[in-house]
C-alpha cells in the first residue's frame, strides 16, 4: 500500500508512517511530494493521502492525522496507542499543545529533525522510528502502572 503527503514533514507526517508500518501495513511505502501535487500523484499512483486538507486521514473534527488513522483502522482499543496519540496531537496541533506535557518535547524533537534533515523525509522516518518505538514503550508502561 502506498501513502502520500506533503514534503518537508515533521510531527504528524512522520508519526503517521510509524503508526501505519507498526499497526496497519508493515510494507507500506510513503511518498512525499510538493503540497500542490499530493492529490494528483495520489490519483496517479493509488496512494492514500494523509495529513492534507479535505481527506479522511487528515485533520478532521478536531483530530490530527494520527488520530484519524487510529480511528479508521480501529486501533483505539490499545490504551498505549491512545496515550501516544494524545502526545502526537499536542505536538502537532498548536492550539492543543497544553493538553500533554510530553507534546512540547515531541514538538521540539520533531522540528529539530526537520531543521537537521530538511526535505529528506525518508531519513527523518528512519531516524525518528526508534524514538516513536521508545515513546510507545513508555506509554505502554505508563498505562499499565497501578
C-alpha atoms as a PDB file:
ATOM      1  CA  UNK A   1       0.000   0.000   0.000  1.00  0.00           C
ATOM      2  CA  UNK A   2       1.283   3.478  -0.864  1.00  0.00           C
ATOM      3  CA  UNK A   3       0.635   6.562   1.239  1.00  0.00           C
ATOM      4  CA  UNK A   4       1.238  10.157   0.208  1.00  0.00           C
ATOM      5  CA  UNK A   5       1.534  13.538   1.893  1.00  0.00           C
ATOM      6  CA  UNK A   6       3.297  16.883   1.702  1.00  0.00           C
ATOM      7  CA  UNK A   7       7.077  17.024   1.672  1.00  0.00           C
ATOM      8  CA  UNK A   8       9.214  18.603   4.418  1.00  0.00           C
ATOM      9  CA  UNK A   9       7.490  16.554   7.099  1.00  0.00           C
ATOM     10  CA  UNK A  10       7.563  16.841  10.859  1.00  0.00           C
ATOM     11  CA  UNK A  11       5.409  15.572  13.770  1.00  0.00           C
ATOM     12  CA  UNK A  12       2.204  14.114  12.236  1.00  0.00           C
ATOM     13  CA  UNK A  13       3.658  13.334   8.800  1.00  0.00           C
ATOM     14  CA  UNK A  14       6.434  11.280  10.450  1.00  0.00           C
ATOM     15  CA  UNK A  15       4.386   9.814  13.327  1.00  0.00           C
ATOM     16  CA  UNK A  16       1.774   8.509  10.862  1.00  0.00           C
ATOM     17  CA  UNK A  17       4.263   6.350   8.916  1.00  0.00           C
ATOM     18  CA  UNK A  18       5.450   4.869  12.209  1.00  0.00           C
ATOM     19  CA  UNK A  19       1.827   4.070  13.133  1.00  0.00           C
ATOM     20  CA  UNK A  20       0.994   2.625   9.716  1.00  0.00           C
ATOM     21  CA  UNK A  21       4.118   0.465   9.494  1.00  0.00           C
ATOM     22  CA  UNK A  22       3.727  -0.860  13.039  1.00  0.00           C
ATOM     23  CA  UNK A  23      -0.035  -1.460  13.123  1.00  0.00           C
ATOM     24  CA  UNK A  24      -1.618  -1.257   9.651  1.00  0.00           C
ATOM     25  CA  UNK A  25       0.779  -2.327   6.871  1.00  0.00           C
ATOM     26  CA  UNK A  26       4.393  -3.253   7.572  1.00  0.00           C
ATOM     27  CA  UNK A  27       5.199  -3.000   3.839  1.00  0.00           C
ATOM     28  CA  UNK A  28       3.722   0.469   3.394  1.00  0.00           C
ATOM     29  CA  UNK A  29       5.556   2.886   1.109  1.00  0.00           C
ATOM     30  CA  UNK A  30       5.485   6.633   1.750  1.00  0.00           C
ATOM     31  CA  UNK A  31       5.623   9.334  -0.884  1.00  0.00           C
ATOM     32  CA  UNK A  32       6.408  12.958  -0.080  1.00  0.00           C
ATOM     33  CA  UNK A  33       5.635  15.493  -2.777  1.00  0.00           C
ATOM     34  CA  UNK A  34       5.062  19.246  -3.048  1.00  0.00           C
ATOM     35  CA  UNK A  35       1.778  20.352  -1.461  1.00  0.00           C
ATOM     36  CA  UNK A  36       0.124  21.174  -4.786  1.00  0.00           C
ATOM     37  CA  UNK A  37       0.954  17.732  -6.250  1.00  0.00           C
ATOM     38  CA  UNK A  38      -0.400  15.466  -3.485  1.00  0.00           C
ATOM     39  CA  UNK A  39      -3.874  14.774  -4.853  1.00  0.00           C
ATOM     40  CA  UNK A  40      -2.706  14.439  -8.474  1.00  0.00           C
ATOM     41  CA  UNK A  41       0.052  11.967  -7.560  1.00  0.00           C
ATOM     42  CA  UNK A  42      -2.358  10.124  -5.240  1.00  0.00           C
ATOM     43  CA  UNK A  43      -4.760   9.661  -8.163  1.00  0.00           C
ATOM     44  CA  UNK A  44      -1.945   8.554 -10.492  1.00  0.00           C
ATOM     45  CA  UNK A  45      -0.407   6.066  -8.057  1.00  0.00           C
ATOM     46  CA  UNK A  46      -3.388   4.949  -5.992  1.00  0.00           C
ATOM     47  CA  UNK A  47      -1.612   6.191  -2.865  1.00  0.00           C
ATOM     48  CA  UNK A  48      -3.671   7.014   0.223  1.00  0.00           C
ATOM     49  CA  UNK A  49      -3.400  10.732   1.011  1.00  0.00           C
ATOM     50  CA  UNK A  50      -2.900  11.761   4.630  1.00  0.00           C
ATOM     51  CA  UNK A  51      -2.287  14.988   6.510  1.00  0.00           C
ATOM     52  CA  UNK A  52      -3.536  17.179   3.684  1.00  0.00           C
ATOM     53  CA  UNK A  53      -6.748  19.244   3.611  1.00  0.00           C
ATOM     54  CA  UNK A  54     -10.058  17.604   2.777  1.00  0.00           C
ATOM     55  CA  UNK A  55      -9.040  13.949   3.145  1.00  0.00           C
ATOM     56  CA  UNK A  56     -10.354  11.298   5.522  1.00  0.00           C
ATOM     57  CA  UNK A  57      -6.934  10.774   7.116  1.00  0.00           C
ATOM     58  CA  UNK A  58      -6.221  14.414   7.778  1.00  0.00           C
ATOM     59  CA  UNK A  59      -7.191  16.985  10.362  1.00  0.00           C
ATOM     60  CA  UNK A  60     -10.924  16.280  10.716  1.00  0.00           C
ATOM     61  CA  UNK A  61     -13.347  17.185  13.512  1.00  0.00           C
ATOM     62  CA  UNK A  62     -10.542  18.328  15.827  1.00  0.00           C
ATOM     63  CA  UNK A  63      -8.384  15.264  15.150  1.00  0.00           C
ATOM     64  CA  UNK A  64      -4.873  15.289  13.744  1.00  0.00           C
ATOM     65  CA  UNK A  65      -3.962  12.740  11.063  1.00  0.00           C
ATOM     66  CA  UNK A  66      -2.505  10.302  13.616  1.00  0.00           C
ATOM     67  CA  UNK A  67      -5.873  10.371  15.439  1.00  0.00           C
ATOM     68  CA  UNK A  68      -7.737   9.849  12.160  1.00  0.00           C
ATOM     69  CA  UNK A  69      -5.645   6.781  11.267  1.00  0.00           C
ATOM     70  CA  UNK A  70      -6.164   5.371  14.767  1.00  0.00           C
ATOM     71  CA  UNK A  71      -9.911   5.740  14.319  1.00  0.00           C
ATOM     72  CA  UNK A  72     -10.162   4.421  10.736  1.00  0.00           C
ATOM     73  CA  UNK A  73      -8.094   1.317  11.433  1.00  0.00           C
ATOM     74  CA  UNK A  74      -9.784   0.624  14.784  1.00  0.00           C
ATOM     75  CA  UNK A  75      -6.610   0.939  16.849  1.00  0.00           C
ATOM     76  CA  UNK A  76      -8.250   2.761  19.752  1.00  0.00           C
ATOM     77  CA  UNK A  77      -8.501  -0.392  21.880  1.00  0.00           C
ATOM     78  CA  UNK A  78      -4.761  -0.127  22.623  1.00  0.00           C
ATOM     79  CA  UNK A  79      -4.502   2.258  25.593  1.00  0.00           C
ATOM     80  CA  UNK A  80      -0.810   2.900  24.919  1.00  0.00           C
ATOM     81  CA  UNK A  81      -1.555   3.993  21.352  1.00  0.00           C
ATOM     82  CA  UNK A  82      -4.327   6.248  22.641  1.00  0.00           C
ATOM     83  CA  UNK A  83      -1.837   7.772  25.084  1.00  0.00           C
ATOM     84  CA  UNK A  84       0.721   8.217  22.304  1.00  0.00           C
ATOM     85  CA  UNK A  85      -1.961   9.836  20.145  1.00  0.00           C
ATOM     86  CA  UNK A  86      -2.510  12.453  22.854  1.00  0.00           C
ATOM     87  CA  UNK A  87       1.196  13.323  22.733  1.00  0.00           C
ATOM     88  CA  UNK A  88       1.336  13.440  18.923  1.00  0.00           C
ATOM     89  CA  UNK A  89      -1.832  15.536  18.831  1.00  0.00           C
ATOM     90  CA  UNK A  90      -0.442  18.029  21.353  1.00  0.00           C
ATOM     91  CA  UNK A  91       2.829  18.283  19.428  1.00  0.00           C
ATOM     92  CA  UNK A  92       1.067  18.716  16.086  1.00  0.00           C
ATOM     93  CA  UNK A  93      -1.878  20.984  16.914  1.00  0.00           C
ATOM     94  CA  UNK A  94      -0.641  24.329  18.226  1.00  0.00           C
ATOM     95  CA  UNK A  95      -3.937  25.208  19.930  1.00  0.00           C
ATOM     96  CA  UNK A  96      -3.855  21.901  21.850  1.00  0.00           C
ATOM     97  CA  UNK A  97      -0.171  21.956  22.823  1.00  0.00           C
ATOM     98  CA  UNK A  98      -1.027  22.328  26.526  1.00  0.00           C
ATOM     99  CA  UNK A  99      -3.090  19.103  26.586  1.00  0.00           C
ATOM    100  CA  UNK A 100       0.013  16.930  27.051  1.00  0.00           C
ATOM    101  CA  UNK A 101       3.270  17.998  28.689  1.00  0.00           C
ATOM    102  CA  UNK A 102       5.134  15.455  26.547  1.00  0.00           C
ATOM    103  CA  UNK A 103       3.743  17.166  23.449  1.00  0.00           C
ATOM    104  CA  UNK A 104       6.121  20.086  23.993  1.00  0.00           C
ATOM    105  CA  UNK A 105       9.113  17.754  23.925  1.00  0.00           C
ATOM    106  CA  UNK A 106       7.911  15.862  20.861  1.00  0.00           C
ATOM    107  CA  UNK A 107       7.285  19.153  19.067  1.00  0.00           C
ATOM    108  CA  UNK A 108      10.855  20.290  19.783  1.00  0.00           C
ATOM    109  CA  UNK A 109      12.442  16.992  18.778  1.00  0.00           C
ATOM    110  CA  UNK A 110      10.390  16.566  15.587  1.00  0.00           C
ATOM    111  CA  UNK A 111      11.106  20.119  14.492  1.00  0.00           C
ATOM    112  CA  UNK A 112      14.782  19.606  15.323  1.00  0.00           C
ATOM    113  CA  UNK A 113      14.890  16.627  12.959  1.00  0.00           C
ATOM    114  CA  UNK A 114      13.249  18.823  10.314  1.00  0.00           C
ATOM    115  CA  UNK A 115      15.911  21.508  10.832  1.00  0.00           C
ATOM    116  CA  UNK A 116      18.748  18.984  10.573  1.00  0.00           C
ATOM    117  CA  UNK A 117      17.375  16.887   7.692  1.00  0.00           C
ATOM    118  CA  UNK A 118      15.191  19.356   5.784  1.00  0.00           C
ATOM    119  CA  UNK A 119      13.341  17.745   2.899  1.00  0.00           C
ATOM    120  CA  UNK A 120      14.908  14.280   3.401  1.00  0.00           C
ATOM    121  CA  UNK A 121      11.651  12.890   4.761  1.00  0.00           C
ATOM    122  CA  UNK A 122      12.663   9.232   4.425  1.00  0.00           C
ATOM    123  CA  UNK A 123      15.762   9.912   6.520  1.00  0.00           C
ATOM    124  CA  UNK A 124      13.534  11.506   9.171  1.00  0.00           C
ATOM    125  CA  UNK A 125      11.326   8.393   9.206  1.00  0.00           C
ATOM    126  CA  UNK A 126      14.406   6.185   9.546  1.00  0.00           C
ATOM    127  CA  UNK A 127      15.875   8.222  12.396  1.00  0.00           C
ATOM    128  CA  UNK A 128      12.648   9.003  14.261  1.00  0.00           C
ATOM    129  CA  UNK A 129      11.183   5.478  14.150  1.00  0.00           C
ATOM    130  CA  UNK A 130      13.240   4.295  17.161  1.00  0.00           C
ATOM    131  CA  UNK A 131      12.106   7.414  19.038  1.00  0.00           C
ATOM    132  CA  UNK A 132       8.440   6.527  18.396  1.00  0.00           C
ATOM    133  CA  UNK A 133       9.156   2.911  19.399  1.00  0.00           C
ATOM    134  CA  UNK A 134      10.609   4.197  22.667  1.00  0.00           C
ATOM    135  CA  UNK A 135       7.766   6.646  23.235  1.00  0.00           C
ATOM    136  CA  UNK A 136       5.228   3.865  22.607  1.00  0.00           C
ATOM    137  CA  UNK A 137       7.062   1.623  25.097  1.00  0.00           C
ATOM    138  CA  UNK A 138       6.957   4.469  27.630  1.00  0.00           C
ATOM    139  CA  UNK A 139       3.209   4.849  27.001  1.00  0.00           C
ATOM    140  CA  UNK A 140       2.710   1.099  27.493  1.00  0.00           C
ATOM    141  CA  UNK A 141       4.469   1.298  30.840  1.00  0.00           C
ATOM    142  CA  UNK A 142       2.524   4.420  31.808  1.00  0.00           C
ATOM    143  CA  UNK A 143      -0.898   2.930  31.089  1.00  0.00           C
ATOM    144  CA  UNK A 144      -0.059  -0.363  32.812  1.00  0.00           C
ATOM    145  CA  UNK A 145       1.201   1.254  36.016  1.00  0.00           C
ATOM    146  CA  UNK A 146      -1.075   0.709  39.016  1.00  0.00           C
END
